[in-house]
Amino acid sequence: MITVTEAAKKQAIRLMDEDEKDNLFIRVGVQGGGCSGLMYQLEFDNIEKEGDKIFEDNGLKIVVDKKSYLYLVGTTLDFSGGLNV
């Protein structure tokens, strides 16, 4: 499961309200690269893909691709000047 703090929820809702798209959710993922060997991705999306893992926490929908899920299970999204994984 991936969880969301109250601070991250408030900021995500504020940013999603500014977007013109309907049914937005948070998509979280990882890619190879970066200093630690992984780069984290965090974006708003409205299209679910085959194999996605779908969670809901604190009133927000979070979607993770199958491969990234293995790295992100147990993660908490927080906000402190920016959304952080």
Protein backbone atom coordinates (compact mmCIF):
# COMPACT_ATOMS: atom_id res chain seq x y z
CA MET A 1 0.00 0.00 0.00
CA ILE A 2 1.02 3.61 -0.59
CA THR A 3 -0.23 6.21 1.87
CA VAL A 4 -0.68 9.99 1.74
CA THR A 5 -0.24 12.49 4.58
CA GLU A 6 -2.81 15.22 5.19
CA ALA A 7 -0.32 17.89 4.00
CA ALA A 8 0.27 16.01 0.71
CA LYS A 9 -3.47 15.53 0.25
CA LYS A 10 -4.19 19.25 0.61
CA GLN A 11 -1.46 20.24 -1.84
CA ALA A 12 -2.38 17.55 -4.37
CA ILE A 13 -6.05 18.57 -4.32
CA ARG A 14 -5.07 22.24 -4.78
CA LEU A 15 -2.89 21.38 -7.80
CA MET A 16 -5.45 19.00 -9.33
CA ASP A 17 -8.15 21.68 -9.01
CA GLU A 18 -5.97 23.97 -11.15
CA ASP A 19 -5.81 21.37 -13.94
CA GLU A 20 -8.54 21.25 -16.58
CA LYS A 21 -8.70 17.42 -16.73
CA ASP A 22 -11.38 15.29 -15.06
CA ASN A 23 -10.83 12.29 -12.77
CA LEU A 24 -7.20 13.02 -11.95
CA PHE A 25 -5.16 10.79 -9.68
CA ILE A 26 -1.54 10.66 -8.53
CA ARG A 27 0.71 8.38 -10.57
CA VAL A 28 3.91 7.33 -8.80
CA GLY A 29 6.73 5.36 -10.43
CA VAL A 30 10.43 4.66 -10.57
CA GLN A 31 12.92 4.50 -13.46
CA GLY A 32 16.54 3.47 -13.58
CA GLY A 33 19.00 6.36 -13.23
CA GLY A 34 19.86 9.06 -10.73
CA CYS A 35 22.49 8.96 -8.00
CA SER A 36 20.93 6.03 -6.13
CA GLY A 37 20.21 4.05 -9.28
CA LEU A 38 16.52 5.07 -9.25
CA MET A 39 14.64 8.20 -10.25
CA TYR A 40 11.22 8.70 -8.71
CA GLN A 41 8.34 10.00 -10.80
CA LEU A 42 5.29 11.77 -9.46
CA GLU A 43 2.63 13.22 -11.73
CA PHE A 44 -1.09 13.68 -12.17
CA ASP A 45 -2.81 11.39 -14.66
CA ASN A 46 -6.33 10.40 -15.62
CA ILE A 47 -5.69 7.23 -17.63
CA GLU A 48 -5.24 3.86 -15.94
CA LYS A 49 -3.02 1.36 -17.73
CA GLU A 50 -3.17 -2.43 -17.79
CA GLY A 51 -1.35 -3.90 -14.80
CA ASP A 52 -1.57 -0.73 -12.67
CA LYS A 53 -1.90 -1.16 -8.92
CA ILE A 54 -4.57 1.18 -7.57
CA PHE A 55 -4.79 2.49 -4.00
CA GLU A 56 -6.88 5.04 -2.20
CA ASP A 57 -5.68 6.75 0.95
CA ASN A 58 -6.80 9.89 2.73
CA GLY A 59 -9.33 10.49 -0.07
CA LEU A 60 -6.77 10.41 -2.91
CA LYS A 61 -6.39 7.81 -5.62
CA ILE A 62 -2.79 6.65 -6.17
CA VAL A 63 -1.77 4.54 -9.16
CA VAL A 64 1.52 2.67 -9.58
CA ASP A 65 2.70 0.55 -12.50
CA LYS A 66 3.38 -3.10 -11.69
CA LYS A 67 7.19 -2.82 -11.91
CA SER A 68 7.43 0.31 -9.74
CA TYR A 69 5.15 -1.20 -7.11
CA LEU A 70 7.92 -3.57 -6.02
CA TYR A 71 10.07 -0.54 -5.08
CA LEU A 72 7.30 1.65 -3.67
CA VAL A 73 5.22 -0.67 -1.50
CA GLY A 74 5.01 0.85 2.00
CA THR A 75 5.83 4.38 0.76
CA THR A 76 4.23 7.49 2.25
CA LEU A 77 3.74 10.59 0.09
CA ASP A 78 4.32 13.81 2.02
CA PHE A 79 4.51 17.53 1.25
CA SER A 80 7.12 19.91 2.61
CA GLY A 81 7.59 22.62 0.00
CA GLY A 82 7.04 19.95 -2.71
CA LEU A 83 5.46 16.53 -2.99
CA ASN A 84 8.01 13.95 -1.83
CA VAL A 85 8.20 10.17 -2.01
